[in-house]
C-alpha atoms as a PDB file:
ATOM      1  CA  UNK A   1      66.522 145.362 -89.786  1.00  0.00           C
ATOM      2  CA  UNK A   2      63.132 146.783 -90.756  1.00  0.00           C
ATOM      3  CA  UNK A   3      64.725 149.319 -93.120  1.00  0.00           C
ATOM      4  CA  UNK A   4      66.555 146.550 -94.987  1.00  0.00           C
ATOM      5  CA  UNK A   5      63.613 144.136 -94.997  1.00  0.00           C
ATOM      6  CA  UNK A   6      61.276 146.796 -96.422  1.00  0.00           C
ATOM      7  CA  UNK A   7      63.858 147.598 -99.103  1.00  0.00           C
ATOM      8  CA  UNK A   8      64.163 143.903-100.030  1.00  0.00           C
ATOM      9  CA  UNK A   9      60.372 143.581-100.310  1.00  0.00           C
ATOM     10  CA  UNK A  10      59.975 146.654-102.515  1.00  0.00           C
ATOM     11  CA  UNK A  11      62.992 145.925-104.721  1.00  0.00           C
ATOM     12  CA  UNK A  12      61.951 142.329-105.356  1.00  0.00           C
ATOM     13  CA  UNK A  13      58.386 143.435-106.052  1.00  0.00           C
ATOM     14  CA  UNK A  14      59.690 145.942-108.611  1.00  0.00           C
ATOM     15  CA  UNK A  15      61.949 143.281-110.190  1.00  0.00           C
ATOM     16  CA  UNK A  16      65.204 145.163-109.669  1.00  0.00           C
ATOM     17  CA  UNK A  17      68.550 143.482-108.912  1.00  0.00           C
ATOM     18  CA  UNK A  18      69.781 143.289-105.307  1.00  0.00           C
ATOM     19  CA  UNK A  19      71.801 141.284-102.846  1.00  0.00           C
ATOM     20  CA  UNK A  20      71.495 141.248 -99.043  1.00  0.00           C
ATOM     21  CA  UNK A  21      74.101 139.407 -96.991  1.00  0.00           C
ATOM     22  CA  UNK A  22      75.947 138.954 -93.730  1.00  0.00           C
ATOM     23  CA  UNK A  23      79.507 137.705 -93.331  1.00  0.00           C
ATOM     24  CA  UNK A  24      80.326 134.939 -90.838  1.00  0.00           C
ATOM     25  CA  UNK A  25      80.032 136.030 -87.193  1.00  0.00           C
ATOM     26  CA  UNK A  26      79.591 139.669 -88.266  1.00  0.00           C
ATOM     27  CA  UNK A  27      77.253 142.121 -86.548  1.00  0.00           C
ATOM     28  CA  UNK A  28      76.251 143.986 -89.725  1.00  0.00           C
ATOM     29  CA  UNK A  29      73.860 142.993 -92.509  1.00  0.00           C
ATOM     30  CA  UNK A  30      74.488 144.625 -95.887  1.00  0.00           C
ATOM     31  CA  UNK A  31      72.129 145.325 -98.765  1.00  0.00           C
ATOM     32  CA  UNK A  32      73.238 146.410-102.244  1.00  0.00           C
ATOM     33  CA  UNK A  33      70.358 147.546-104.474  1.00  0.00           C
ATOM     34  CA  UNK A  34      71.032 148.233-108.136  1.00  0.00           C
ATOM     35  CA  UNK A  35      69.152 151.269-109.482  1.00  0.00           C
ATOM     36  CA  UNK A  36      68.246 149.713-112.862  1.00  0.00           C
ATOM     37  CA  UNK A  37      67.748 146.206-114.248  1.00  0.00           C
ATOM     38  CA  UNK A  38      70.817 146.140-116.516  1.00  0.00           C
ATOM     39  CA  UNK A  39      72.823 142.920-116.501  1.00  0.00           C
ATOM     40  CA  UNK A  40      76.458 143.824-115.825  1.00  0.00           C
ATOM     41  CA  UNK A  41      79.049 141.105-116.416  1.00  0.00           C
ATOM     42  CA  UNK A  42      82.793 140.718-115.855  1.00  0.00           C
ATOM     43  CA  UNK A  43      84.892 139.289-118.647  1.00  0.00           C
ATOM     44  CA  UNK A  44      88.603 139.825-118.041  1.00  0.00           C
ATOM     45  CA  UNK A  45      89.288 141.623-114.750  1.00  0.00           C
ATOM     46  CA  UNK A  46      87.953 143.070-111.502  1.00  0.00           C
ATOM     47  CA  UNK A  47      88.276 146.808-112.088  1.00  0.00           C
ATOM     48  CA  UNK A  48      85.439 148.355-110.044  1.00  0.00           C
ATOM     49  CA  UNK A  49      83.853 148.113-106.606  1.00  0.00           C
ATOM     50  CA  UNK A  50      80.748 145.998-106.143  1.00  0.00           C
ATOM     51  CA  UNK A  51      79.374 142.478-105.665  1.00  0.00           C
ATOM     52  CA  UNK A  52      80.151 139.517-107.933  1.00  0.00           C
ATOM     53  CA  UNK A  53      78.148 136.328-108.537  1.00  0.00           C
ATOM     54  CA  UNK A  54      80.099 133.746-110.547  1.00  0.00           C
ATOM     55  CA  UNK A  55      79.044 130.344-111.950  1.00  0.00           C
ATOM     56  CA  UNK A  56      80.836 127.002-111.552  1.00  0.00           C
ATOM     57  CA  UNK A  57      81.682 126.913-115.255  1.00  0.00           C
ATOM     58  CA  UNK A  58      84.486 129.424-115.804  1.00  0.00           C
ATOM     59  CA  UNK A  59      83.469 129.777-119.460  1.00  0.00           C
ATOM     60  CA  UNK A  60      80.220 131.441-118.350  1.00  0.00           C
ATOM     61  CA  UNK A  61      80.031 135.140-117.451  1.00  0.00           C
ATOM     62  CA  UNK A  62      80.235 136.501-113.909  1.00  0.00           C
ATOM     63  CA  UNK A  63      77.393 138.851-112.896  1.00  0.00           C
ATOM     64  CA  UNK A  64      78.361 142.129-111.225  1.00  0.00           C
ATOM     65  CA  UNK A  65      76.402 144.679-109.200  1.00  0.00           C
ATOM     66  CA  UNK A  66      78.442 147.938-109.485  1.00  0.00           C
ATOM     67  CA  UNK A  67      78.647 149.882-106.218  1.00  0.00           C
ATOM     68  CA  UNK A  68      78.534 153.228-108.028  1.00  0.00           C
ATOM     69  CA  UNK A  69      75.216 152.311-109.664  1.00  0.00           C
ATOM     70  CA  UNK A  70      73.636 150.897-106.514  1.00  0.00           C
ATOM     71  CA  UNK A  71      72.390 151.940-103.097  1.00  0.00           C
ATOM     72  CA  UNK A  72      74.262 150.413-100.141  1.00  0.00           C
ATOM     73  CA  UNK A  73      72.403 149.871 -96.854  1.00  0.00           C
ATOM     74  CA  UNK A  74      73.929 148.645 -93.584  1.00  0.00           C
ATOM     75  CA  UNK A  75      71.902 147.585 -90.551  1.00  0.00           C
ATOM     76  CA  UNK A  76      72.883 145.919 -87.240  1.00  0.00           C
ATOM     77  CA  UNK A  77      72.304 142.197 -86.822  1.00  0.00           C
ATOM     78  CA  UNK A  78      70.694 141.011 -83.595  1.00  0.00           C
ATOM     79  CA  UNK A  79      71.116 137.293 -83.062  1.00  0.00           C
ATOM     80  CA  UNK A  80      68.175 135.329 -81.661  1.00  0.00           C
ATOM     81  CA  UNK A  81      68.023 131.718 -80.551  1.00  0.00           C
ATOM     82  CA  UNK A  82      66.257 129.592 -83.128  1.00  0.00           C
ATOM     83  CA  UNK A  83      65.743 125.842 -83.186  1.00  0.00           C
ATOM     84  CA  UNK A  84      67.022 123.958 -86.212  1.00  0.00           C
ATOM     85  CA  UNK A  85      64.419 121.649 -87.716  1.00  0.00           C
ATOM     86  CA  UNK A  86      65.518 118.356 -89.205  1.00  0.00           C
ATOM     87  CA  UNK A  87      63.766 118.008 -92.576  1.00  0.00           C
ATOM     88  CA  UNK A  88      64.383 115.121 -94.977  1.00  0.00           C
ATOM     89  CA  UNK A  89      63.152 115.167 -98.575  1.00  0.00           C
ATOM     90  CA  UNK A  90      64.203 112.920-101.464  1.00  0.00           C
ATOM     91  CA  UNK A  91      62.905 110.246-103.800  1.00  0.00           C
ATOM     92  CA  UNK A  92      64.341 106.788-104.423  1.00  0.00           C
ATOM     93  CA  UNK A  93      65.057 107.580-108.069  1.00  0.00           C
ATOM     94  CA  UNK A  94      67.412 110.427-107.184  1.00  0.00           C
ATOM     95  CA  UNK A  95      69.103 108.159-104.636  1.00  0.00           C
ATOM     96  CA  UNK A  96      69.716 105.432-107.211  1.00  0.00           C
ATOM     97  CA  UNK A  97      71.110 107.927-109.733  1.00  0.00           C
ATOM     98  CA  UNK A  98      73.451 109.533-107.223  1.00  0.00           C
ATOM     99  CA  UNK A  99      74.793 106.254-105.878  1.00  0.00           C
ATOM    100  CA  UNK A 100      75.361 105.044-109.446  1.00  0.00           C
ATOM    101  CA  UNK A 101      77.431 108.118-110.367  1.00  0.00           C
ATOM    102  CA  UNK A 102      79.415 107.902-107.112  1.00  0.00           C
ATOM    103  CA  UNK A 103      80.215 104.241-107.833  1.00  0.00           C
ATOM    104  CA  UNK A 104      81.343 105.193-111.329  1.00  0.00           C
ATOM    105  CA  UNK A 105      83.586 107.901-109.860  1.00  0.00           C
ATOM    106  CA  UNK A 106      85.181 105.461-107.386  1.00  0.00           C
ATOM    107  CA  UNK A 107      85.900 103.070-110.261  1.00  0.00           C
ATOM    108  CA  UNK A 108      87.501 105.904-112.269  1.00  0.00           C
ATOM    109  CA  UNK A 109      89.691 106.830-109.281  1.00  0.00           C
ATOM    110  CA  UNK A 110      90.762 103.178-108.953  1.00  0.00           C
ATOM    111  CA  UNK A 111      91.919 103.361-112.594  1.00  0.00           C
ATOM    112  CA  UNK A 112      93.939 106.521-111.739  1.00  0.00           C
ATOM    113  CA  UNK A 113      91.751 108.831-113.846  1.00  0.00           C
ATOM    114  CA  UNK A 114      91.926 111.368-110.983  1.00  0.00           C
ATOM    115  CA  UNK A 115      92.468 111.468-107.190  1.00  0.00           C
ATOM    116  CA  UNK A 116      89.219 113.129-106.204  1.00  0.00           C
ATOM    117  CA  UNK A 117      86.017 114.344-107.809  1.00  0.00           C
ATOM    118  CA  UNK A 118      83.055 116.214-106.330  1.00  0.00           C
ATOM    119  CA  UNK A 119      79.688 114.730-107.312  1.00  0.00           C
ATOM    120  CA  UNK A 120      76.585 116.843-106.791  1.00  0.00           C
ATOM    121  CA  UNK A 121      72.862 116.693-107.390  1.00  0.00           C
ATOM    122  CA  UNK A 122      69.761 118.858-107.191  1.00  0.00           C
ATOM    123  CA  UNK A 123      66.805 118.268-104.848  1.00  0.00           C
ATOM    124  CA  UNK A 124      63.580 119.835-106.172  1.00  0.00           C
ATOM    125  CA  UNK A 125      60.961 120.744-103.581  1.00  0.00           C
ATOM    126  CA  UNK A 126      57.456 122.076-104.310  1.00  0.00           C
ATOM    127  CA  UNK A 127      56.601 125.293-102.445  1.00  0.00           C
ATOM    128  CA  UNK A 128      53.424 127.340-102.156  1.00  0.00           C
ATOM    129  CA  UNK A 129      54.523 130.918-102.686  1.00  0.00           C
ATOM    130  CA  UNK A 130      57.563 132.523-101.126  1.00  0.00           C
ATOM    131  CA  UNK A 131      58.333 135.438 -98.821  1.00  0.00           C
ATOM    132  CA  UNK A 132      61.886 136.412 -99.739  1.00  0.00           C
ATOM    133  CA  UNK A 133      62.561 138.442 -96.614  1.00  0.00           C
ATOM    134  CA  UNK A 134      61.265 135.698 -94.284  1.00  0.00           C
ATOM    135  CA  UNK A 135      63.578 133.030 -95.698  1.00  0.00           C
ATOM    136  CA  UNK A 136      66.520 135.440 -95.540  1.00  0.00           C
ATOM    137  CA  UNK A 137      65.810 136.369 -91.913  1.00  0.00           C
ATOM    138  CA  UNK A 138      65.443 132.702 -90.983  1.00  0.00           C
ATOM    139  CA  UNK A 139      68.793 131.831 -92.580  1.00  0.00           C
ATOM    140  CA  UNK A 140      70.458 134.726 -90.743  1.00  0.00           C
ATOM    141  CA  UNK A 141      69.277 133.396 -87.398  1.00  0.00           C
ATOM    142  CA  UNK A 142      69.950 129.730 -88.130  1.00  0.00           C
ATOM    143  CA  UNK A 143      73.492 130.152 -89.477  1.00  0.00           C
ATOM    144  CA  UNK A 144      75.232 133.154 -87.843  1.00  0.00           C
ATOM    145  CA  UNK A 145      78.684 131.688 -88.546  1.00  0.00           C
ATOM    146  CA  UNK A 146      78.070 131.274 -92.299  1.00  0.00           C
ATOM    147  CA  UNK A 147      77.998 133.728 -95.201  1.00  0.00           C
ATOM    148  CA  UNK A 148      74.232 134.118 -95.562  1.00  0.00           C
ATOM    149  CA  UNK A 149      72.702 135.811 -98.599  1.00  0.00           C
ATOM    150  CA  UNK A 150      69.712 136.404-100.812  1.00  0.00           C
ATOM    151  CA  UNK A 151      70.569 137.413-104.396  1.00  0.00           C
ATOM    152  CA  UNK A 152      68.214 138.425-107.194  1.00  0.00           C
ATOM    153  CA  UNK A 153      68.428 139.602-110.782  1.00  0.00           C
ATOM    154  CA  UNK A 154      65.289 139.515-112.969  1.00  0.00           C
ATOM    155  CA  UNK A 155      67.356 138.211-115.900  1.00  0.00           C
ATOM    156  CA  UNK A 156      69.050 135.468-113.870  1.00  0.00           C
ATOM    157  CA  UNK A 157      66.870 134.400-110.939  1.00  0.00           C
ATOM    158  CA  UNK A 158      66.511 134.260-107.159  1.00  0.00           C
ATOM    159  CA  UNK A 159      69.110 132.527-104.986  1.00  0.00           C
ATOM    160  CA  UNK A 160      69.596 131.926-101.258  1.00  0.00           C
ATOM    161  CA  UNK A 161      72.589 130.491 -99.460  1.00  0.00           C
ATOM    162  CA  UNK A 162      74.408 129.902 -96.174  1.00  0.00           C
ATOM    163  CA  UNK A 163      77.937 128.892 -97.110  1.00  0.00           C
ATOM    164  CA  UNK A 164      80.722 128.051 -94.652  1.00  0.00           C
ATOM    165  CA  UNK A 165      83.613 128.384 -97.104  1.00  0.00           C
ATOM    166  CA  UNK A 166      85.767 131.403 -97.941  1.00  0.00           C
ATOM    167  CA  UNK A 167      87.282 131.331-101.419  1.00  0.00           C
ATOM    168  CA  UNK A 168      89.516 134.353-100.852  1.00  0.00           C
ATOM    169  CA  UNK A 169      89.782 137.336 -98.522  1.00  0.00           C
ATOM    170  CA  UNK A 170      92.154 140.175 -99.440  1.00  0.00           C
ATOM    171  CA  UNK A 171      93.042 143.073 -97.134  1.00  0.00           C
ATOM    172  CA  UNK A 172      95.691 145.431 -98.526  1.00  0.00           C
ATOM    173  CA  UNK A 173      98.354 142.975 -99.769  1.00  0.00           C
ATOM    174  CA  UNK A 174      97.467 140.159 -97.367  1.00  0.00           C
ATOM    175  CA  UNK A 175      95.150 137.327 -98.304  1.00  0.00           C
ATOM    176  CA  UNK A 176      93.418 134.438 -96.544  1.00  0.00           C
ATOM    177  CA  UNK A 177      91.870 131.370 -98.117  1.00  0.00           C
ATOM    178  CA  UNK A 178      90.930 127.944 -96.806  1.00  0.00           C
ATOM    179  CA  UNK A 179      90.569 124.315 -97.683  1.00  0.00           C
ATOM    180  CA  UNK A 180      87.295 122.918 -96.394  1.00  0.00           C
ATOM    181  CA  UNK A 181      86.457 119.258 -96.815  1.00  0.00           C
ATOM    182  CA  UNK A 182      85.029 116.338 -94.892  1.00  0.00           C
ATOM    183  CA  UNK A 183      81.479 116.475 -93.552  1.00  0.00           C
ATOM    184  CA  UNK A 184      79.703 114.935 -90.573  1.00  0.00           C
ATOM    185  CA  UNK A 185      76.402 115.593 -88.868  1.00  0.00           C
ATOM    186  CA  UNK A 186      77.027 117.444 -85.589  1.00  0.00           C
ATOM    187  CA  UNK A 187      76.081 115.378 -82.549  1.00  0.00           C
ATOM    188  CA  UNK A 188      75.921 117.086 -79.168  1.00  0.00           C
ATOM    189  CA  UNK A 189      78.508 115.970 -76.632  1.00  0.00           C
ATOM    190  CA  UNK A 190      80.090 113.467 -79.011  1.00  0.00           C
ATOM    191  CA  UNK A 191      83.731 113.873 -79.964  1.00  0.00           C
ATOM    192  CA  UNK A 192      84.170 114.205 -83.723  1.00  0.00           C
ATOM    193  CA  UNK A 193      86.242 111.399 -85.184  1.00  0.00           C
ATOM    194  CA  UNK A 194      87.455 111.819 -88.756  1.00  0.00           C
ATOM    195  CA  UNK A 195      87.905 108.810 -91.023  1.00  0.00           C
ATOM    196  CA  UNK A 196      90.912 108.167 -93.282  1.00  0.00           C
ATOM    197  CA  UNK A 197      88.743 109.106 -96.273  1.00  0.00           C
ATOM    198  CA  UNK A 198      87.820 112.490 -94.796  1.00  0.00           C
ATOM    199  CA  UNK A 199      91.378 113.297 -93.709  1.00  0.00           C
ATOM    200  CA  UNK A 200      92.722 112.347 -97.130  1.00  0.00           C
ATOM    201  CA  UNK A 201      90.091 114.452 -98.890  1.00  0.00           C
ATOM    202  CA  UNK A 202      91.027 117.457 -96.765  1.00  0.00           C
ATOM    203  CA  UNK A 203      94.753 116.978 -97.423  1.00  0.00           C
ATOM    204  CA  UNK A 204      94.239 116.756-101.192  1.00  0.00           C
ATOM    205  CA  UNK A 205      92.507 120.140-101.182  1.00  0.00           C
ATOM    206  CA  UNK A 206      95.117 121.737 -98.886  1.00  0.00           C
ATOM    207  CA  UNK A 207      98.095 120.471-100.909  1.00  0.00           C
ATOM    208  CA  UNK A 208      96.584 121.728-104.157  1.00  0.00           C
ATOM    209  CA  UNK A 209      95.902 125.209-102.819  1.00  0.00           C
ATOM    210  CA  UNK A 210      99.380 125.494-101.273  1.00  0.00           C
ATOM    211  CA  UNK A 211     100.999 124.444-104.549  1.00  0.00           C
ATOM    212  CA  UNK A 212      98.996 126.895-106.640  1.00  0.00           C
ATOM    213  CA  UNK A 213      99.420 129.830-104.268  1.00  0.00           C
ATOM    214  CA  UNK A 214     103.188 129.330-104.217  1.00  0.00           C
ATOM    215  CA  UNK A 215     103.120 130.872-107.713  1.00  0.00           C
ATOM    216  CA  UNK A 216     101.799 134.114-106.217  1.00  0.00           C
ATOM    217  CA  UNK A 217     103.356 134.308-102.779  1.00  0.00           C
ATOM    218  CA  UNK A 218     106.623 133.270-101.151  1.00  0.00           C
ATOM    219  CA  UNK A 219     105.250 134.004 -97.705  1.00  0.00           C
ATOM    220  CA  UNK A 220     102.603 131.280 -97.356  1.00  0.00           C
ATOM    221  CA  UNK A 221     101.544 130.118 -93.905  1.00  0.00           C
ATOM    222  CA  UNK A 222      99.391 127.045 -93.374  1.00  0.00           C
ATOM    223  CA  UNK A 223      97.388 127.077 -90.156  1.00  0.00           C
ATOM    224  CA  UNK A 224      96.606 124.005 -88.077  1.00  0.00           C
ATOM    225  CA  UNK A 225      93.682 121.948 -89.437  1.00  0.00           C
ATOM    226  CA  UNK A 226      90.628 122.262 -87.181  1.00  0.00           C
ATOM    227  CA  UNK A 227      87.068 121.012 -86.886  1.00  0.00           C
ATOM    228  CA  UNK A 228      84.491 123.747 -87.481  1.00  0.00           C
ATOM    229  CA  UNK A 229      80.732 123.718 -87.049  1.00  0.00           C
ATOM    230  CA  UNK A 230      78.396 125.014 -89.772  1.00  0.00           C
ATOM    231  CA  UNK A 231      74.774 124.756 -88.716  1.00  0.00           C
ATOM    232  CA  UNK A 232      73.975 121.074 -88.173  1.00  0.00           C
ATOM    233  CA  UNK A 233      77.240 119.921 -89.816  1.00  0.00           C
ATOM    234  CA  UNK A 234      80.948 119.871 -88.978  1.00  0.00           C
ATOM    235  CA  UNK A 235      83.869 120.099 -91.424  1.00  0.00           C
ATOM    236  CA  UNK A 236      87.650 119.979 -91.495  1.00  0.00           C
ATOM    237  CA  UNK A 237      89.186 123.386 -92.252  1.00  0.00           C
ATOM    238  CA  UNK A 238      92.724 124.586 -92.870  1.00  0.00           C
ATOM    239  CA  UNK A 239      93.315 128.339 -93.233  1.00  0.00           C
ATOM    240  CA  UNK A 240      96.108 129.511 -95.516  1.00  0.00           C
ATOM    241  CA  UNK A 241      97.542 133.031 -95.360  1.00  0.00           C
ATOM    242  CA  UNK A 242     100.003 134.957 -97.456  1.00  0.00           C
ATOM    243  CA  UNK A 243     100.935 138.198 -99.188  1.00  0.00           C
ATOM    244  CA  UNK A 244     100.154 139.053-102.788  1.00  0.00           C
ATOM    245  CA  UNK A 245     101.171 141.823-105.153  1.00  0.00           C
ATOM    246  CA  UNK A 246      98.686 144.560-105.987  1.00  0.00           C
ATOM    247  CA  UNK A 247      96.194 144.071-108.819  1.00  0.00           C
ATOM    248  CA  UNK A 248      96.545 140.289-108.750  1.00  0.00           C
ATOM    249  CA  UNK A 249      93.035 139.626-107.418  1.00  0.00           C
ATOM    250  CA  UNK A 250      91.465 138.447-110.677  1.00  0.00           C
ATOM    251  CA  UNK A 251      94.408 136.144-111.442  1.00  0.00           C
ATOM    252  CA  UNK A 252      94.380 134.757-107.914  1.00  0.00           C
ATOM    253  CA  UNK A 253      90.639 134.025-108.014  1.00  0.00           C
ATOM    254  CA  UNK A 254      90.907 132.317-111.390  1.00  0.00           C
ATOM    255  CA  UNK A 255      93.804 130.243-110.086  1.00  0.00           C
ATOM    256  CA  UNK A 256      91.759 128.969-107.139  1.00  0.00           C
ATOM    257  CA  UNK A 257      88.333 128.562-108.750  1.00  0.00           C
ATOM    258  CA  UNK A 258      87.025 125.922-108.922  1.00  0.00           C
ATOM    259  CA  UNK A 259      88.981 124.422-106.017  1.00  0.00           C
ATOM    260  CA  UNK A 260      89.319 120.651-105.430  1.00  0.00           C
ATOM    261  CA  UNK A 261      86.738 121.136-102.653  1.00  0.00           C
ATOM    262  CA  UNK A 262      84.039 121.668-105.300  1.00  0.00           C
ATOM    263  CA  UNK A 263      85.562 120.100-108.413  1.00  0.00           C
ATOM    264  CA  UNK A 264      88.357 117.582-107.881  1.00  0.00           C
ATOM    265  CA  UNK A 265      91.983 116.864-108.687  1.00  0.00           C
ATOM    266  CA  UNK A 266      93.483 117.006-111.235  1.00  0.00           C
ATOM    267  CA  UNK A 267      91.042 119.816-111.888  1.00  0.00           C
ATOM    268  CA  UNK A 268      90.494 119.473-115.640  1.00  0.00           C
ATOM    269  CA  UNK A 269      90.026 115.691-115.570  1.00  0.00           C
ATOM    270  CA  UNK A 270      87.647 115.904-112.617  1.00  0.00           C
ATOM    271  CA  UNK A 271      85.715 118.733-114.263  1.00  0.00           C
ATOM    272  CA  UNK A 272      85.347 116.727-117.465  1.00  0.00           C
ATOM    273  CA  UNK A 273      83.963 113.765-115.484  1.00  0.00           C
ATOM    274  CA  UNK A 274      81.475 116.088-113.770  1.00  0.00           C
ATOM    275  CA  UNK A 275      80.257 117.610-117.023  1.00  0.00           C
ATOM    276  CA  UNK A 276      79.855 114.164-118.613  1.00  0.00           C
ATOM    277  CA  UNK A 277      78.184 112.385-115.698  1.00  0.00           C
ATOM    278  CA  UNK A 278      76.210 114.725-113.436  1.00  0.00           C
ATOM    279  CA  UNK A 279      73.637 115.292-116.202  1.00  0.00           C
ATOM    280  CA  UNK A 280      72.456 118.682-114.949  1.00  0.00           C
ATOM    281  CA  UNK A 281      73.648 122.291-114.943  1.00  0.00           C
ATOM    282  CA  UNK A 282      75.259 123.389-111.679  1.00  0.00           C
ATOM    283  CA  UNK A 283      74.677 127.016-112.661  1.00  0.00           C
ATOM    284  CA  UNK A 284      75.918 129.221-109.784  1.00  0.00           C
ATOM    285  CA  UNK A 285      76.241 126.351-107.311  1.00  0.00           C
ATOM    286  CA  UNK A 286      79.957 125.842-106.481  1.00  0.00           C
ATOM    287  CA  UNK A 287      80.679 129.176-108.125  1.00  0.00           C
ATOM    288  CA  UNK A 288      81.639 132.106-105.908  1.00  0.00           C
ATOM    289  CA  UNK A 289      80.156 135.390-104.708  1.00  0.00           C
ATOM    290  CA  UNK A 290      81.016 138.390-102.581  1.00  0.00           C
ATOM    291  CA  UNK A 291      82.496 141.853-102.295  1.00  0.00           C
ATOM    292  CA  UNK A 292      85.121 143.285-104.625  1.00  0.00           C
ATOM    293  CA  UNK A 293      87.108 146.372-103.535  1.00  0.00           C
ATOM    294  CA  UNK A 294      84.574 147.524-100.953  1.00  0.00           C
ATOM    295  CA  UNK A 295      84.801 149.291 -97.596  1.00  0.00           C
ATOM    296  CA  UNK A 296      87.186 151.992 -96.477  1.00  0.00           C
ATOM    297  CA  UNK A 297      90.241 149.892 -97.399  1.00  0.00           C
ATOM    298  CA  UNK A 298      88.905 148.517-100.706  1.00  0.00           C
ATOM    299  CA  UNK A 299      88.978 144.978 -99.338  1.00  0.00           C
ATOM    300  CA  UNK A 300      87.609 141.945-101.170  1.00  0.00           C
ATOM    301  CA  UNK A 301      85.907 138.932 -99.600  1.00  0.00           C
ATOM    302  CA  UNK A 302      84.663 136.059-101.754  1.00  0.00           C
ATOM    303  CA  UNK A 303      82.845 132.878-100.722  1.00  0.00           C
ATOM    304  CA  UNK A 304      82.267 129.534-102.427  1.00  0.00           C
ATOM    305  CA  UNK A 305      78.561 129.168-103.233  1.00  0.00           C
ATOM    306  CA  UNK A 306      77.701 126.061-101.199  1.00  0.00           C
ATOM    307  CA  UNK A 307      74.522 125.212 -99.209  1.00  0.00           C
ATOM    308  CA  UNK A 308      72.390 127.155-101.639  1.00  0.00           C
ATOM    309  CA  UNK A 309      69.112 127.004-103.537  1.00  0.00           C
ATOM    310  CA  UNK A 310      67.451 128.649-106.506  1.00  0.00           C
ATOM    311  CA  UNK A 311      63.741 129.491-106.547  1.00  0.00           C
ATOM    312  CA  UNK A 312      61.984 128.742-109.843  1.00  0.00           C
ATOM    313  CA  UNK A 313      58.230 129.220-110.170  1.00  0.00           C
ATOM    314  CA  UNK A 314      56.681 127.056-107.436  1.00  0.00           C
ATOM    315  CA  UNK A 315      59.825 125.031-106.721  1.00  0.00           C
ATOM    316  CA  UNK A 316      62.979 125.353-104.670  1.00  0.00           C
ATOM    317  CA  UNK A 317      65.975 123.710-106.340  1.00  0.00           C
ATOM    318  CA  UNK A 318      68.464 122.779-103.613  1.00  0.00           C
ATOM    319  CA  UNK A 319      72.053 122.031-104.677  1.00  0.00           C
ATOM    320  CA  UNK A 320      74.124 119.512-102.712  1.00  0.00           C
ATOM    321  CA  UNK A 321      77.226 117.385-103.233  1.00  0.00           C
ATOM    322  CA  UNK A 322      80.275 115.740-101.722  1.00  0.00           C
ATOM    323  CA  UNK A 323      83.885 114.848-102.437  1.00  0.00           C
ATOM    324  CA  UNK A 324      84.630 111.322-103.697  1.00  0.00           C
ATOM    325  CA  UNK A 325      87.978 109.584-103.114  1.00  0.00           C
ATOM    326  CA  UNK A 326      89.103 105.957-103.300  1.00  0.00           C
ATOM    327  CA  UNK A 327      87.911 105.489 -99.697  1.00  0.00           C
ATOM    328  CA  UNK A 328      84.346 106.652-100.408  1.00  0.00           C
ATOM    329  CA  UNK A 329      81.301 104.468 -99.741  1.00  0.00           C
ATOM    330  CA  UNK A 330      78.367 105.287-102.079  1.00  0.00           C
ATOM    331  CA  UNK A 331      75.638 104.895 -99.443  1.00  0.00           C
ATOM    332  CA  UNK A 332      77.460 107.196 -97.001  1.00  0.00           C
ATOM    333  CA  UNK A 333      78.054 109.755 -99.753  1.00  0.00           C
ATOM    334  CA  UNK A 334      74.314 109.755-100.428  1.00  0.00           C
ATOM    335  CA  UNK A 335      73.577 110.257 -96.732  1.00  0.00           C
ATOM    336  CA  UNK A 336      75.977 113.215 -96.676  1.00  0.00           C
ATOM    337  CA  UNK A 337      74.014 114.978 -99.417  1.00  0.00           C
ATOM    338  CA  UNK A 338      70.772 114.366 -97.509  1.00  0.00           C
ATOM    339  CA  UNK A 339      72.299 115.953 -94.391  1.00  0.00           C
ATOM    340  CA  UNK A 340      73.495 118.944 -96.409  1.00  0.00           C
ATOM    341  CA  UNK A 341      70.053 119.455 -97.998  1.00  0.00           C
ATOM    342  CA  UNK A 342      68.617 119.988 -94.525  1.00  0.00           C
ATOM    343  CA  UNK A 343      70.260 123.430 -94.338  1.00  0.00           C
ATOM    344  CA  UNK A 344      68.045 124.915 -97.067  1.00  0.00           C
ATOM    345  CA  UNK A 345      65.041 122.688 -96.361  1.00  0.00           C
ATOM    346  CA  UNK A 346      64.845 123.932 -92.771  1.00  0.00           C
ATOM    347  CA  UNK A 347      64.807 127.526 -94.045  1.00  0.00           C
ATOM    348  CA  UNK A 348      61.758 126.730 -96.174  1.00  0.00           C
END
């Protein structure tokens, strides 16, 4: 790891773009270091190998680190036992605002405006300086079964994340995606019991993805829904597999993003509610990131940018949210965002 950590330190110090990351349950940590500070963006297609970083708003440009203009480093990952620290940070004003928006969303759902909408917020935490490599190493050890990353571009900013959700994985002509919804705090030795609200939320996401993917594949297979652990939280997950024609990656990604797991359903109505009511810019939160056409088989593996934070000056801006359905209870939805914020807070 020392080779990669030293490279991260020097590259960040010299204000050059880079990303370092590890895929879920993988034994390799990757680093991609761009050789200049140019801002490369993708407009209409994925036509080169590299790493993409896309915003929630599909009208905004996706940032791209080209493999051919970067240095790729791979180092082995050695897992170490590390204790998760429970950290809570919020103010009453943010609580009141969030609960108010959630209540408004529930009322809109009752009027049949949409079936589900994802409401998010930003928790701003003051920090005294930052050691990029230390936070990254801590996240790697705390969340070995997540996609953990640190991403930096001097013209965009510095981001960290530990996301549990795959947007799309493509190997040859086979793809895998997932619906991930429902959240509970993991409690040792207690059986997880999912409420009607959480089961419904998960089914809404699954049904949407199956319907959309049917346009691309006639060989879809829906796996059994399971409970999965992500750090201190558990979620409901359903994997979906299928086959896709060559050179359909960009179309497939645009079809899925943003999924009901981060936006809502119907998508456009939910998105409009979000833009009108959240009153802040999600930026790259609930966007996606990952490899495009990399490795010996030119595989692609993209993740939804959840459980993430952006570092600005002397503050960490932590992004958190949750899915709202007709069964939602505003106070519980607030508590869910507090539990999710712990993932980045504990890394700080």
